[in-house]
Amino acid sequence: MDKSLKFDREVAESIGVESAIILNWIKERDKEKTIKLVDAFKEFSFWNETDLMSYLISLEQKNLISLDPVSYTHLTLPTNREV
């Protein structure tokens, strides 16, 4: 099954297509207070976990998202922040 991925072109030009896709996905879930990392792994299963974590860490370093550790094995992506 083919999947359509949405992103903002201007955002992609400044931070890269992969990061823009992730930001758009997070923005679409703005009603949720947090997003489980496992949900991101499921949504972006075409990327390996190492690459996806690299994109997420890069977004956090740019202060576009925050990664909040909930436990040793679980992280969440807060969506209550403006992206």
C-alpha atoms as a PDB file:
ATOM      1  CA  MET A   1       0.000   0.000   0.000  1.00  0.00           C
ATOM      2  CA  ASP A   2       1.363   3.407  -0.989  1.00  0.00           C
ATOM      3  CA  LYS A   3       1.433   6.104   1.641  1.00  0.00           C
ATOM      4  CA  SER A   4       1.065   9.809   0.955  1.00  0.00           C
ATOM      5  CA  LEU A   5       3.328  11.993   3.087  1.00  0.00           C
ATOM      6  CA  LYS A   6       2.593  15.665   3.656  1.00  0.00           C
ATOM      7  CA  PHE A   7       5.033  18.433   4.447  1.00  0.00           C
ATOM      8  CA  ASP A   8       5.469  22.180   4.071  1.00  0.00           C
ATOM      9  CA  ARG A   9       7.831  23.014   1.207  1.00  0.00           C
ATOM     10  CA  GLU A  10       9.357  26.044   2.930  1.00  0.00           C
ATOM     11  CA  VAL A  11       9.966  24.048   6.092  1.00  0.00           C
ATOM     12  CA  ALA A  12      11.518  21.244   4.057  1.00  0.00           C
ATOM     13  CA  GLU A  13      13.869  23.695   2.382  1.00  0.00           C
ATOM     14  CA  SER A  14      15.150  24.859   5.749  1.00  0.00           C
ATOM     15  CA  ILE A  15      15.287  21.633   7.782  1.00  0.00           C
ATOM     16  CA  GLY A  16      15.045  18.818   5.237  1.00  0.00           C
ATOM     17  CA  VAL A  17      12.203  16.762   3.840  1.00  0.00           C
ATOM     18  CA  GLU A  18      12.393  14.018   6.467  1.00  0.00           C
ATOM     19  CA  SER A  19      12.173  16.463   9.363  1.00  0.00           C
ATOM     20  CA  ALA A  20       9.374  18.399   7.649  1.00  0.00           C
ATOM     21  CA  ILE A  21       7.375  15.176   7.245  1.00  0.00           C
ATOM     22  CA  ILE A  22       7.796  14.366  10.937  1.00  0.00           C
ATOM     23  CA  LEU A  23       6.862  17.910  12.013  1.00  0.00           C
ATOM     24  CA  ASN A  24       3.723  17.816   9.892  1.00  0.00           C
ATOM     25  CA  TRP A  25       2.754  14.455  11.389  1.00  0.00           C
ATOM     26  CA  ILE A  26       3.216  15.850  14.908  1.00  0.00           C
ATOM     27  CA  LYS A  27       1.289  19.019  14.034  1.00  0.00           C
ATOM     28  CA  GLU A  28      -1.632  16.941  12.749  1.00  0.00           C
ATOM     29  CA  ARG A  29      -1.832  15.345  16.198  1.00  0.00           C
ATOM     30  CA  ASP A  30      -1.912  18.605  18.126  1.00  0.00           C
ATOM     31  CA  LYS A  31      -4.963  17.461  20.100  1.00  0.00           C
ATOM     32  CA  GLU A  32      -2.847  14.818  21.775  1.00  0.00           C
ATOM     33  CA  LYS A  33      -0.711  16.028  24.649  1.00  0.00           C
ATOM     34  CA  THR A  34       2.006  13.525  23.824  1.00  0.00           C
ATOM     35  CA  ILE A  35       2.767  11.016  21.115  1.00  0.00           C
ATOM     36  CA  LYS A  36       4.344   7.710  21.999  1.00  0.00           C
ATOM     37  CA  LEU A  37       7.603   7.041  20.259  1.00  0.00           C
ATOM     38  CA  VAL A  38       6.347   3.592  19.314  1.00  0.00           C
ATOM     39  CA  ASP A  39       3.591   5.306  17.288  1.00  0.00           C
ATOM     40  CA  ALA A  40       6.218   7.257  15.378  1.00  0.00           C
ATOM     41  CA  PHE A  41       8.097   4.023  14.673  1.00  0.00           C
ATOM     42  CA  LYS A  42       4.883   2.478  13.331  1.00  0.00           C
ATOM     43  CA  GLU A  43       3.990   5.528  11.235  1.00  0.00           C
ATOM     44  CA  PHE A  44       7.457   5.817   9.729  1.00  0.00           C
ATOM     45  CA  SER A  45       8.286   2.140   9.505  1.00  0.00           C
ATOM     46  CA  PHE A  46      10.013   2.747   6.161  1.00  0.00           C
ATOM     47  CA  TRP A  47      12.842   4.427   8.129  1.00  0.00           C
ATOM     48  CA  ASN A  48      14.905   2.352  10.502  1.00  0.00           C
ATOM     49  CA  GLU A  49      14.713   3.320  14.160  1.00  0.00           C
ATOM     50  CA  THR A  50      18.220   4.798  14.193  1.00  0.00           C
ATOM     51  CA  ASP A  51      17.440   7.171  11.318  1.00  0.00           C
ATOM     52  CA  LEU A  52      14.099   8.181  12.809  1.00  0.00           C
ATOM     53  CA  MET A  53      15.701   8.902  16.177  1.00  0.00           C
ATOM     54  CA  SER A  54      18.355  10.988  14.413  1.00  0.00           C
ATOM     55  CA  TYR A  55      15.645  13.091  12.742  1.00  0.00           C
ATOM     56  CA  LEU A  56      13.806  13.498  16.062  1.00  0.00           C
ATOM     57  CA  ILE A  57      16.968  14.469  17.933  1.00  0.00           C
ATOM     58  CA  SER A  58      17.802  16.970  15.208  1.00  0.00           C
ATOM     59  CA  LEU A  59      14.339  18.521  15.559  1.00  0.00           C
ATOM     60  CA  GLU A  60      14.813  18.731  19.323  1.00  0.00           C
ATOM     61  CA  GLN A  61      18.226  20.382  18.919  1.00  0.00           C
ATOM     62  CA  LYS A  62      16.542  23.016  16.723  1.00  0.00           C
ATOM     63  CA  ASN A  63      13.939  23.533  19.509  1.00  0.00           C
ATOM     64  CA  LEU A  64      11.101  22.474  17.199  1.00  0.00           C
ATOM     65  CA  ILE A  65      10.011  19.574  19.428  1.00  0.00           C
ATOM     66  CA  SER A  66      10.955  18.258  22.831  1.00  0.00           C
ATOM     67  CA  LEU A  67      11.634  14.662  23.662  1.00  0.00           C
ATOM     68  CA  ASP A  68      10.541  13.831  27.174  1.00  0.00           C
ATOM     69  CA  PRO A  69      11.737  10.583  28.698  1.00  0.00           C
ATOM     70  CA  VAL A  70       8.917   8.901  30.591  1.00  0.00           C
ATOM     71  CA  SER A  71      10.850   5.826  31.581  1.00  0.00           C
ATOM     72  CA  TYR A  72      14.054   4.082  30.638  1.00  0.00           C
ATOM     73  CA  THR A  73      12.441   2.374  27.658  1.00  0.00           C
ATOM     74  CA  HIS A  74       9.750   4.881  26.687  1.00  0.00           C
ATOM     75  CA  LEU A  75       9.897   8.383  25.203  1.00  0.00           C
ATOM     76  CA  THR A  76       7.065  10.678  24.206  1.00  0.00           C
ATOM     77  CA  LEU A  77       6.834  13.540  21.749  1.00  0.00           C
ATOM     78  CA  PRO A  78       4.957  16.464  23.280  1.00  0.00           C
ATOM     79  CA  THR A  79       2.584  18.123  20.815  1.00  0.00           C
ATOM     80  CA  ASN A  80       1.477  21.042  22.967  1.00  0.00           C
ATOM     81  CA  ARG A  81       4.372  23.054  21.616  1.00  0.00           C
ATOM     82  CA  GLU A  82       4.007  25.235  18.536  1.00  0.00           C
ATOM     83  CA  VAL A  83       5.777  23.667  15.556  1.00  0.00           C
END
